[in-house]
Each structure stands twice: as structure tokens, then as C-alpha cells.
Amino acid sequence: MEKLRRIKMSPADQRFLIHAIHDATRKSGADIYDLANKIVNAPKMKVYLTSGELSITIHAVNDLRTEYISSGKSPEGIDVVLLKLVSSKYRRVPRKYRIST
């Protein structure tokens, strides 16, 4: 079995992640639509990320947090998502959660 980082999401967390990934795609022009699909289609709101995907996601969420702070909005929900990303543990990916490529 493969070991990846597992993040348990609530529907609100999922919306913040998708919003952050969308903004990162628009700014950098990077092709990270597969990552967005992985987050949207995560079974039982658990997403398994590689270290590269986790790094992209953390930077995207941090950029979104910076935008919220600069516009005067409260970043409390984004802080929760960022904390979940940073404190995620390596887990073995069950067969039913694997995405065949």
C-alpha cells in the first residue's frame, strides 16, 4: 500500500480548498486541475495528497489567507484548513480510495 497525507475535510473546508486552488490556477497558470478534481471527488470527504500536491495546496491556501487579511476579512475558516493541511499525517491509502491513473 502507498502512503500519502490524509486530510479529513468538512464541506466548508472543501469549498476553501477549491477556492484556493482555483485562485492559484488563475494566477500562476499552472495546470493543477487534477488536484482540484481530486479534492472535489474525494470519497467520504477524505483526500489523500502526495507531498508535491500538499505543498501546492498549502501555498494556495496561504495566498488565499493573505488576500483575506489584506481585504479586511476574517481568515478564521482558512486558518482551520491551513492547520489541517500542515498537521496531516502519512496514512496508507485503502484500495477503495485509490484513483487509478
PDB file of N, CA and C in Angstrom:
ATOM      1  N   MET A   1       0.832  -1.188   0.000  1.00  0.00           N
ATOM      2  CA  MET A   1       0.000   0.000   0.000  1.00  0.00           C
ATOM      3  C   MET A   1       0.876   1.251   0.000  1.00  0.00           C
ATOM      4  N   GLU A   2       0.369   2.252  -0.614  1.00  0.00           N
ATOM      5  CA  GLU A   2       1.064   3.518  -0.760  1.00  0.00           C
ATOM      6  C   GLU A   2       0.751   4.413   0.437  1.00  0.00           C
ATOM      7  N   LYS A   3       1.726   5.199   0.894  1.00  0.00           N
ATOM      8  CA  LYS A   3       1.495   6.126   1.997  1.00  0.00           C
ATOM      9  C   LYS A   3       1.423   7.551   1.458  1.00  0.00           C
ATOM     10  N   LEU A   4       0.329   8.217   1.766  1.00  0.00           N
ATOM     11  CA  LEU A   4       0.127   9.610   1.370  1.00  0.00           C
ATOM     12  C   LEU A   4      -0.413  10.374   2.571  1.00  0.00           C
ATOM     13  N   ARG A   5      -0.460  11.691   2.448  1.00  0.00           N
ATOM     14  CA  ARG A   5      -1.027  12.518   3.526  1.00  0.00           C
ATOM     15  C   ARG A   5      -2.545  12.528   3.408  1.00  0.00           C
ATOM     16  N   ARG A   6      -3.231  12.247   4.527  1.00  0.00           N
ATOM     17  CA  ARG A   6      -4.685  12.231   4.517  1.00  0.00           C
ATOM     18  C   ARG A   6      -5.223  13.462   5.226  1.00  0.00           C
ATOM     19  N   ILE A   7      -6.171  14.118   4.574  1.00  0.00           N
ATOM     20  CA  ILE A   7      -6.831  15.285   5.151  1.00  0.00           C
ATOM     21  C   ILE A   7      -8.319  15.008   5.198  1.00  0.00           C
ATOM     22  N   LYS A   8      -8.893  15.081   6.395  1.00  0.00           N
ATOM     23  CA  LYS A   8     -10.337  14.956   6.535  1.00  0.00           C
ATOM     24  C   LYS A   8     -10.918  16.357   6.385  1.00  0.00           C
ATOM     25  N   MET A   9     -11.926  16.468   5.525  1.00  0.00           N
ATOM     26  CA  MET A   9     -12.499  17.780   5.234  1.00  0.00           C
ATOM     27  C   MET A   9     -13.960  17.833   5.642  1.00  0.00           C
ATOM     28  N   SER A  10     -14.394  19.011   5.999  1.00  0.00           N
ATOM     29  CA  SER A  10     -15.820  19.290   6.108  1.00  0.00           C
ATOM     30  C   SER A  10     -16.225  19.939   4.786  1.00  0.00           C
ATOM     31  N   PRO A  11     -17.512  20.084   4.518  1.00  0.00           N
ATOM     32  CA  PRO A  11     -17.908  20.775   3.278  1.00  0.00           C
ATOM     33  C   PRO A  11     -17.344  22.200   3.181  1.00  0.00           C
ATOM     34  N   ALA A  12     -17.242  22.893   4.312  1.00  0.00           N
ATOM     35  CA  ALA A  12     -16.670  24.247   4.297  1.00  0.00           C
ATOM     36  C   ALA A  12     -15.183  24.205   3.952  1.00  0.00           C
ATOM     37  N   ASP A  13     -14.475  23.232   4.526  1.00  0.00           N
ATOM     38  CA  ASP A  13     -13.052  23.084   4.211  1.00  0.00           C
ATOM     39  C   ASP A  13     -12.856  22.808   2.727  1.00  0.00           C
ATOM     40  N   GLN A  14     -13.710  21.976   2.177  1.00  0.00           N
ATOM     41  CA  GLN A  14     -13.621  21.624   0.761  1.00  0.00           C
ATOM     42  C   GLN A  14     -13.817  22.867  -0.118  1.00  0.00           C
ATOM     43  N   ARG A  15     -14.775  23.721   0.255  1.00  0.00           N
ATOM     44  CA  ARG A  15     -15.015  24.947  -0.512  1.00  0.00           C
ATOM     45  C   ARG A  15     -13.809  25.882  -0.458  1.00  0.00           C
ATOM     46  N   PHE A  16     -13.194  26.023   0.737  1.00  0.00           N
ATOM     47  CA  PHE A  16     -11.994  26.862   0.850  1.00  0.00           C
ATOM     48  C   PHE A  16     -10.859  26.304  -0.001  1.00  0.00           C
ATOM     49  N   LEU A  17     -10.667  24.982   0.018  1.00  0.00           N
ATOM     50  CA  LEU A  17      -9.597  24.368  -0.766  1.00  0.00           C
ATOM     51  C   LEU A  17      -9.814  24.579  -2.259  1.00  0.00           C
ATOM     52  N   ILE A  18     -11.037  24.374  -2.730  1.00  0.00           N
ATOM     53  CA  ILE A  18     -11.339  24.556  -4.146  1.00  0.00           C
ATOM     54  C   ILE A  18     -11.147  26.014  -4.546  1.00  0.00           C
ATOM     55  N   HIS A  19     -11.592  26.928  -3.691  1.00  0.00           N
ATOM     56  CA  HIS A  19     -11.430  28.354  -3.973  1.00  0.00           C
ATOM     57  C   HIS A  19      -9.949  28.723  -4.056  1.00  0.00           C
ATOM     58  N   ALA A  20      -9.149  28.201  -3.132  1.00  0.00           N
ATOM     59  CA  ALA A  20      -7.707  28.498  -3.125  1.00  0.00           C
ATOM     60  C   ALA A  20      -7.022  27.909  -4.352  1.00  0.00           C
ATOM     61  N   ILE A  21      -7.363  26.679  -4.717  1.00  0.00           N
ATOM     62  CA  ILE A  21      -6.763  26.034  -5.882  1.00  0.00           C
ATOM     63  C   ILE A  21      -7.151  26.784  -7.161  1.00  0.00           C
ATOM     64  N   HIS A  22      -8.406  27.206  -7.234  1.00  0.00           N
ATOM     65  CA  HIS A  22      -8.867  27.947  -8.402  1.00  0.00           C
ATOM     66  C   HIS A  22      -8.100  29.258  -8.552  1.00  0.00           C
ATOM     67  N   ASP A  23      -7.909  29.980  -7.441  1.00  0.00           N
ATOM     68  CA  ASP A  23      -7.158  31.236  -7.491  1.00  0.00           C
ATOM     69  C   ASP A  23      -5.703  30.999  -7.871  1.00  0.00           C
ATOM     70  N   ALA A  24      -5.105  29.921  -7.372  1.00  0.00           N
ATOM     71  CA  ALA A  24      -3.713  29.616  -7.700  1.00  0.00           C
ATOM     72  C   ALA A  24      -3.571  29.289  -9.178  1.00  0.00           C
ATOM     73  N   THR A  25      -4.541  28.590  -9.736  1.00  0.00           N
ATOM     74  CA  THR A  25      -4.519  28.245 -11.150  1.00  0.00           C
ATOM     75  C   THR A  25      -4.620  29.505 -11.998  1.00  0.00           C
ATOM     76  N   ARG A  26      -5.488  30.422 -11.592  1.00  0.00           N
ATOM     77  CA  ARG A  26      -5.687  31.651 -12.344  1.00  0.00           C
ATOM     78  C   ARG A  26      -4.449  32.545 -12.298  1.00  0.00           C
ATOM     79  N   LYS A  27      -3.765  32.601 -11.155  1.00  0.00           N
ATOM     80  CA  LYS A  27      -2.612  33.479 -11.015  1.00  0.00           C
ATOM     81  C   LYS A  27      -1.381  32.932 -11.718  1.00  0.00           C
ATOM     82  N   SER A  28      -1.087  31.664 -11.465  1.00  0.00           N
ATOM     83  CA  SER A  28       0.178  31.125 -11.981  1.00  0.00           C
ATOM     84  C   SER A  28       0.031  30.469 -13.337  1.00  0.00           C
ATOM     85  N   GLY A  29      -1.182  30.147 -13.723  1.00  0.00           N
ATOM     86  CA  GLY A  29      -1.388  29.472 -14.988  1.00  0.00           C
ATOM     87  C   GLY A  29      -0.964  28.017 -14.934  1.00  0.00           C
ATOM     88  N   ALA A  30      -0.732  27.513 -13.725  1.00  0.00           N
ATOM     89  CA  ALA A  30      -0.296  26.122 -13.570  1.00  0.00           C
ATOM     90  C   ALA A  30      -1.458  25.179 -13.857  1.00  0.00           C
ATOM     91  N   ASP A  31      -1.111  24.020 -14.335  1.00  0.00           N
ATOM     92  CA  ASP A  31      -2.124  23.022 -14.655  1.00  0.00           C
ATOM     93  C   ASP A  31      -2.331  22.112 -13.447  1.00  0.00           C
ATOM     94  N   ILE A  32      -3.187  22.524 -12.547  1.00  0.00           N
ATOM     95  CA  ILE A  32      -3.446  21.736 -11.343  1.00  0.00           C
ATOM     96  C   ILE A  32      -4.923  21.373 -11.239  1.00  0.00           C
ATOM     97  N   TYR A  33      -5.544  21.190 -12.389  1.00  0.00           N
ATOM     98  CA  TYR A  33      -6.957  20.822 -12.397  1.00  0.00           C
ATOM     99  C   TYR A  33      -7.169  19.418 -11.851  1.00  0.00           C
ATOM    100  N   ASP A  34      -6.173  18.526 -12.011  1.00  0.00           N
ATOM    101  CA  ASP A  34      -6.288  17.176 -11.458  1.00  0.00           C
ATOM    102  C   ASP A  34      -6.376  17.224  -9.940  1.00  0.00           C
ATOM    103  N   LEU A  35      -5.629  18.128  -9.331  1.00  0.00           N
ATOM    104  CA  LEU A  35      -5.684  18.292  -7.880  1.00  0.00           C
ATOM    105  C   LEU A  35      -7.060  18.779  -7.442  1.00  0.00           C
ATOM    106  N   ALA A  36      -7.628  19.719  -8.176  1.00  0.00           N
ATOM    107  CA  ALA A  36      -8.967  20.211  -7.855  1.00  0.00           C
ATOM    108  C   ALA A  36      -9.995  19.090  -8.001  1.00  0.00           C
ATOM    109  N   ASN A  37      -9.882  18.282  -9.048  1.00  0.00           N
ATOM    110  CA  ASN A  37     -10.791  17.151  -9.214  1.00  0.00           C
ATOM    111  C   ASN A  37     -10.650  16.147  -8.086  1.00  0.00           C
ATOM    112  N   LYS A  38      -9.433  15.940  -7.643  1.00  0.00           N
ATOM    113  CA  LYS A  38      -9.179  15.010  -6.542  1.00  0.00           C
ATOM    114  C   LYS A  38      -9.875  15.487  -5.271  1.00  0.00           C
ATOM    115  N   ILE A  39      -9.839  16.795  -5.024  1.00  0.00           N
ATOM    116  CA  ILE A  39     -10.471  17.354  -3.830  1.00  0.00           C
ATOM    117  C   ILE A  39     -11.991  17.308  -3.949  1.00  0.00           C
ATOM    118  N   VAL A  40     -12.516  17.640  -5.111  1.00  0.00           N
ATOM    119  CA  VAL A  40     -13.972  17.641  -5.306  1.00  0.00           C
ATOM    120  C   VAL A  40     -14.543  16.235  -5.203  1.00  0.00           C
ATOM    121  N   ASN A  41     -13.868  15.262  -5.785  1.00  0.00           N
ATOM    122  CA  ASN A  41     -14.384  13.897  -5.842  1.00  0.00           C
ATOM    123  C   ASN A  41     -13.868  13.009  -4.724  1.00  0.00           C
ATOM    124  N   ALA A  42     -13.407  13.583  -3.633  1.00  0.00           N
ATOM    125  CA  ALA A  42     -12.876  12.798  -2.520  1.00  0.00           C
ATOM    126  C   ALA A  42     -14.010  12.023  -1.846  1.00  0.00           C
ATOM    127  N   PRO A  43     -13.891  10.684  -1.794  1.00  0.00           N
ATOM    128  CA  PRO A  43     -14.928   9.894  -1.139  1.00  0.00           C
ATOM    129  C   PRO A  43     -14.897  10.105   0.372  1.00  0.00           C
ATOM    130  N   LYS A  44     -16.058  10.228   0.950  1.00  0.00           N
ATOM    131  CA  LYS A  44     -16.235  10.422   2.398  1.00  0.00           C
ATOM    132  C   LYS A  44     -15.445  11.610   2.938  1.00  0.00           C
ATOM    133  N   MET A  45     -15.234  12.610   2.091  1.00  0.00           N
ATOM    134  CA  MET A  45     -14.561  13.860   2.467  1.00  0.00           C
ATOM    135  C   MET A  45     -13.148  13.632   3.014  1.00  0.00           C
ATOM    136  N   LYS A  46     -12.471  12.586   2.523  1.00  0.00           N
ATOM    137  CA  LYS A  46     -11.082  12.329   2.879  1.00  0.00           C
ATOM    138  C   LYS A  46     -10.265  12.379   1.601  1.00  0.00           C
ATOM    139  N   VAL A  47      -9.282  13.253   1.575  1.00  0.00           N
ATOM    140  CA  VAL A  47      -8.442  13.373   0.392  1.00  0.00           C
ATOM    141  C   VAL A  47      -7.019  12.950   0.765  1.00  0.00           C
ATOM    142  N   TYR A  48      -6.412  12.193  -0.130  1.00  0.00           N
ATOM    143  CA  TYR A  48      -5.041  11.721   0.058  1.00  0.00           C
ATOM    144  C   TYR A  48      -4.152  12.456  -0.933  1.00  0.00           C
ATOM    145  N   LEU A  49      -3.127  13.163  -0.405  1.00  0.00           N
ATOM    146  CA  LEU A  49      -2.267  14.004  -1.241  1.00  0.00           C
ATOM    147  C   LEU A  49      -0.811  13.563  -1.165  1.00  0.00           C
ATOM    148  N   THR A  50      -0.132  13.674  -2.293  1.00  0.00           N
ATOM    149  CA  THR A  50       1.312  13.452  -2.306  1.00  0.00           C
ATOM    150  C   THR A  50       1.984  14.682  -1.699  1.00  0.00           C
ATOM    151  N   SER A  51       3.279  14.599  -1.470  1.00  0.00           N
ATOM    152  CA  SER A  51       3.977  15.737  -0.867  1.00  0.00           C
ATOM    153  C   SER A  51       3.978  16.950  -1.801  1.00  0.00           C
ATOM    154  N   GLY A  52       4.061  16.718  -3.105  1.00  0.00           N
ATOM    155  CA  GLY A  52       4.009  17.828  -4.063  1.00  0.00           C
ATOM    156  C   GLY A  52       2.643  18.493  -4.089  1.00  0.00           C
ATOM    157  N   GLU A  53       1.590  17.680  -4.102  1.00  0.00           N
ATOM    158  CA  GLU A  53       0.229  18.222  -4.083  1.00  0.00           C
ATOM    159  C   GLU A  53      -0.041  18.962  -2.784  1.00  0.00           C
ATOM    160  N   LEU A  54       0.477  18.431  -1.673  1.00  0.00           N
ATOM    161  CA  LEU A  54       0.296  19.089  -0.384  1.00  0.00           C
ATOM    162  C   LEU A  54       0.986  20.443  -0.377  1.00  0.00           C
ATOM    163  N   SER A  55       2.174  20.521  -0.942  1.00  0.00           N
ATOM    164  CA  SER A  55       2.907  21.781  -0.998  1.00  0.00           C
ATOM    165  C   SER A  55       2.155  22.827  -1.821  1.00  0.00           C
ATOM    166  N   ILE A  56       1.650  22.417  -2.977  1.00  0.00           N
ATOM    167  CA  ILE A  56       0.868  23.327  -3.823  1.00  0.00           C
ATOM    168  C   ILE A  56      -0.363  23.816  -3.083  1.00  0.00           C
ATOM    169  N   THR A  57      -1.040  22.903  -2.397  1.00  0.00           N
ATOM    170  CA  THR A  57      -2.268  23.240  -1.678  1.00  0.00           C
ATOM    171  C   THR A  57      -1.984  24.188  -0.522  1.00  0.00           C
ATOM    172  N   ILE A  58      -0.917  23.935   0.234  1.00  0.00           N
ATOM    173  CA  ILE A  58      -0.578  24.813   1.362  1.00  0.00           C
ATOM    174  C   ILE A  58      -0.267  26.221   0.871  1.00  0.00           C
ATOM    175  N   HIS A  59       0.502  26.337  -0.204  1.00  0.00           N
ATOM    176  CA  HIS A  59       0.823  27.665  -0.743  1.00  0.00           C
ATOM    177  C   HIS A  59      -0.426  28.368  -1.267  1.00  0.00           C
ATOM    178  N   ALA A  60      -1.327  27.625  -1.891  1.00  0.00           N
ATOM    179  CA  ALA A  60      -2.555  28.228  -2.417  1.00  0.00           C
ATOM    180  C   ALA A  60      -3.444  28.726  -1.276  1.00  0.00           C
ATOM    181  N   VAL A  61      -3.574  27.930  -0.221  1.00  0.00           N
ATOM    182  CA  VAL A  61      -4.406  28.333   0.921  1.00  0.00           C
ATOM    183  C   VAL A  61      -3.769  29.514   1.645  1.00  0.00           C
ATOM    184  N   ASN A  62      -2.450  29.526   1.752  1.00  0.00           N
ATOM    185  CA  ASN A  62      -1.774  30.651   2.400  1.00  0.00           C
ATOM    186  C   ASN A  62      -1.951  31.934   1.591  1.00  0.00           C
ATOM    187  N   ASP A  63      -1.896  31.838   0.261  1.00  0.00           N
ATOM    188  CA  ASP A  63      -2.147  33.013  -0.585  1.00  0.00           C
ATOM    189  C   ASP A  63      -3.573  33.527  -0.412  1.00  0.00           C
ATOM    190  N   LEU A  64      -4.533  32.593  -0.313  1.00  0.00           N
ATOM    191  CA  LEU A  64      -5.924  32.992  -0.083  1.00  0.00           C
ATOM    192  C   LEU A  64      -6.067  33.680   1.271  1.00  0.00           C
ATOM    193  N   ARG A  65      -5.366  33.170   2.273  1.00  0.00           N
ATOM    194  CA  ARG A  65      -5.392  33.772   3.615  1.00  0.00           C
ATOM    195  C   ARG A  65      -4.834  35.193   3.567  1.00  0.00           C
ATOM    196  N   THR A  66      -3.761  35.384   2.832  1.00  0.00           N
ATOM    197  CA  THR A  66      -3.156  36.708   2.688  1.00  0.00           C
ATOM    198  C   THR A  66      -4.124  37.679   2.015  1.00  0.00           C
ATOM    199  N   GLU A  67      -4.831  37.199   0.981  1.00  0.00           N
ATOM    200  CA  GLU A  67      -5.829  38.046   0.312  1.00  0.00           C
ATOM    201  C   GLU A  67      -6.943  38.441   1.273  1.00  0.00           C
ATOM    202  N   TYR A  68      -7.413  37.499   2.085  1.00  0.00           N
ATOM    203  CA  TYR A  68      -8.471  37.804   3.046  1.00  0.00           C
ATOM    204  C   TYR A  68      -8.004  38.852   4.050  1.00  0.00           C
ATOM    205  N   ILE A  69      -6.797  38.705   4.556  1.00  0.00           N
ATOM    206  CA  ILE A  69      -6.283  39.655   5.544  1.00  0.00           C
ATOM    207  C   ILE A  69      -6.121  41.039   4.928  1.00  0.00           C
ATOM    208  N   SER A  70      -5.600  41.109   3.709  1.00  0.00           N
ATOM    209  CA  SER A  70      -5.385  42.412   3.074  1.00  0.00           C
ATOM    210  C   SER A  70      -6.693  43.109   2.730  1.00  0.00           C
ATOM    211  N   SER A  71      -7.765  42.332   2.496  1.00  0.00           N
ATOM    212  CA  SER A  71      -9.056  42.961   2.196  1.00  0.00           C
ATOM    213  C   SER A  71      -9.890  43.213   3.443  1.00  0.00           C
ATOM    214  N   GLY A  72      -9.357  42.865   4.619  1.00  0.00           N
ATOM    215  CA  GLY A  72     -10.055  43.156   5.867  1.00  0.00           C
ATOM    216  C   GLY A  72     -11.034  42.086   6.296  1.00  0.00           C
ATOM    217  N   LYS A  73     -11.048  40.944   5.621  1.00  0.00           N
ATOM    218  CA  LYS A  73     -11.943  39.849   6.000  1.00  0.00           C
ATOM    219  C   LYS A  73     -11.265  38.983   7.057  1.00  0.00           C
ATOM    220  N   SER A  74     -12.081  38.279   7.822  1.00  0.00           N
ATOM    221  CA  SER A  74     -11.553  37.396   8.851  1.00  0.00           C
ATOM    222  C   SER A  74     -11.114  36.062   8.240  1.00  0.00           C
ATOM    223  N   PRO A  75      -9.869  35.643   8.486  1.00  0.00           N
ATOM    224  CA  PRO A  75      -9.367  34.398   7.888  1.00  0.00           C
ATOM    225  C   PRO A  75      -9.535  33.180   8.792  1.00  0.00           C
ATOM    226  N   GLU A  76     -10.507  33.190   9.719  1.00  0.00           N
ATOM    227  CA  GLU A  76     -10.632  32.111  10.696  1.00  0.00           C
ATOM    228  C   GLU A  76     -10.855  30.751  10.046  1.00  0.00           C
ATOM    229  N   GLY A  77     -11.742  30.666   9.082  1.00  0.00           N
ATOM    230  CA  GLY A  77     -12.011  29.395   8.416  1.00  0.00           C
ATOM    231  C   GLY A  77     -10.811  28.892   7.634  1.00  0.00           C
ATOM    232  N   ILE A  78     -10.090  29.816   7.036  1.00  0.00           N
ATOM    233  CA  ILE A  78      -8.905  29.452   6.268  1.00  0.00           C
ATOM    234  C   ILE A  78      -7.802  28.971   7.204  1.00  0.00           C
ATOM    235  N   ASP A  79      -7.721  29.569   8.400  1.00  0.00           N
ATOM    236  CA  ASP A  79      -6.729  29.128   9.382  1.00  0.00           C
ATOM    237  C   ASP A  79      -6.960  27.675   9.776  1.00  0.00           C
ATOM    238  N   VAL A  80      -8.222  27.286   9.910  1.00  0.00           N
ATOM    239  CA  VAL A  80      -8.556  25.910  10.268  1.00  0.00           C
ATOM    240  C   VAL A  80      -8.105  24.951   9.170  1.00  0.00           C
ATOM    241  N   VAL A  81      -8.360  25.313   7.929  1.00  0.00           N
ATOM    242  CA  VAL A  81      -7.961  24.472   6.789  1.00  0.00           C
ATOM    243  C   VAL A  81      -6.438  24.380   6.711  1.00  0.00           C
ATOM    244  N   LEU A  82      -5.761  25.499   6.889  1.00  0.00           N
ATOM    245  CA  LEU A  82      -4.302  25.513   6.843  1.00  0.00           C
ATOM    246  C   LEU A  82      -3.708  24.647   7.953  1.00  0.00           C
ATOM    247  N   LEU A  83      -4.290  24.701   9.121  1.00  0.00           N
ATOM    248  CA  LEU A  83      -3.829  23.871  10.237  1.00  0.00           C
ATOM    249  C   LEU A  83      -4.030  22.383   9.929  1.00  0.00           C
ATOM    250  N   LYS A  84      -5.164  22.037   9.318  1.00  0.00           N
ATOM    251  CA  LYS A  84      -5.403  20.644   8.944  1.00  0.00           C
ATOM    252  C   LYS A  84      -4.384  20.163   7.921  1.00  0.00           C
ATOM    253  N   LEU A  85      -4.043  21.019   6.970  1.00  0.00           N
ATOM    254  CA  LEU A  85      -3.064  20.645   5.948  1.00  0.00           C
ATOM    255  C   LEU A  85      -1.676  20.443   6.550  1.00  0.00           C
ATOM    256  N   VAL A  86      -1.273  21.360   7.395  1.00  0.00           N
ATOM    257  CA  VAL A  86       0.070  21.299   7.963  1.00  0.00           C
ATOM    258  C   VAL A  86       0.216  20.137   8.939  1.00  0.00           C
ATOM    259  N   SER A  87      -0.830  19.826   9.670  1.00  0.00           N
ATOM    260  CA  SER A  87      -0.738  18.766  10.680  1.00  0.00           C
ATOM    261  C   SER A  87      -1.196  17.400  10.160  1.00  0.00           C
ATOM    262  N   SER A  88      -1.370  17.258   8.862  1.00  0.00           N
ATOM    263  CA  SER A  88      -1.819  15.969   8.312  1.00  0.00           C
ATOM    264  C   SER A  88      -0.726  14.923   8.472  1.00  0.00           C
ATOM    265  N   LYS A  89      -1.156  13.686   8.667  1.00  0.00           N
ATOM    266  CA  LYS A  89      -0.241  12.567   8.891  1.00  0.00           C
ATOM    267  C   LYS A  89      -0.187  11.670   7.669  1.00  0.00           C
ATOM    268  N   TYR A  90       0.896  10.933   7.560  1.00  0.00           N
ATOM    269  CA  TYR A  90       1.003   9.933   6.499  1.00  0.00           C
ATOM    270  C   TYR A  90       0.124   8.744   6.870  1.00  0.00           C
ATOM    271  N   ARG A  91      -0.684   8.323   5.927  1.00  0.00           N
ATOM    272  CA  ARG A  91      -1.558   7.162   6.107  1.00  0.00           C
ATOM    273  C   ARG A  91      -1.447   6.273   4.892  1.00  0.00           C
ATOM    274  N   ARG A  92      -1.728   5.021   5.103  1.00  0.00           N
ATOM    275  CA  ARG A  92      -1.797   4.101   3.968  1.00  0.00           C
ATOM    276  C   ARG A  92      -3.118   4.324   3.257  1.00  0.00           C
ATOM    277  N   VAL A  93      -3.059   4.336   1.959  1.00  0.00           N
ATOM    278  CA  VAL A  93      -4.252   4.607   1.163  1.00  0.00           C
ATOM    279  C   VAL A  93      -4.998   3.289   0.947  1.00  0.00           C
ATOM    280  N   PRO A  94      -6.235   3.185   1.456  1.00  0.00           N
ATOM    281  CA  PRO A  94      -7.020   1.978   1.210  1.00  0.00           C
ATOM    282  C   PRO A  94      -7.318   1.830  -0.272  1.00  0.00           C
ATOM    283  N   ARG A  95      -7.524   0.616  -0.684  1.00  0.00           N
ATOM    284  CA  ARG A  95      -7.756   0.317  -2.097  1.00  0.00           C
ATOM    285  C   ARG A  95      -8.952   1.074  -2.650  1.00  0.00           C
ATOM    286  N   LYS A  96      -9.999   1.239  -1.861  1.00  0.00           N
ATOM    287  CA  LYS A  96     -11.208   1.900  -2.375  1.00  0.00           C
ATOM    288  C   LYS A  96     -11.015   3.406  -2.593  1.00  0.00           C
ATOM    289  N   TYR A  97      -9.965   4.008  -1.991  1.00  0.00           N
ATOM    290  CA  TYR A  97      -9.720   5.433  -2.165  1.00  0.00           C
ATOM    291  C   TYR A  97      -8.703   5.734  -3.262  1.00  0.00           C
ATOM    292  N   ARG A  98      -8.053   4.721  -3.781  1.00  0.00           N
ATOM    293  CA  ARG A  98      -7.049   4.937  -4.811  1.00  0.00           C
ATOM    294  C   ARG A  98      -7.683   5.402  -6.094  1.00  0.00           C
ATOM    295  N   ILE A  99      -7.050   6.350  -6.724  1.00  0.00           N
ATOM    296  CA  ILE A  99      -7.523   6.856  -8.012  1.00  0.00           C
ATOM    297  C   ILE A  99      -6.610   6.272  -9.063  1.00  0.00           C
ATOM    298  N   SER A 100      -7.185   5.479  -9.937  1.00  0.00           N
ATOM    299  CA  SER A 100      -6.359   4.854 -10.977  1.00  0.00           C
ATOM    300  C   SER A 100      -6.018   5.876 -12.040  1.00  0.00           C
ATOM    301  N   THR A 101      -4.749   5.848 -12.451  1.00  0.00           N
ATOM    302  CA  THR A 101      -4.301   6.819 -13.464  1.00  0.00           C
ATOM    303  C   THR A 101      -3.967   6.120 -14.754  1.00  0.00           C
TER     304      THR A 101
END
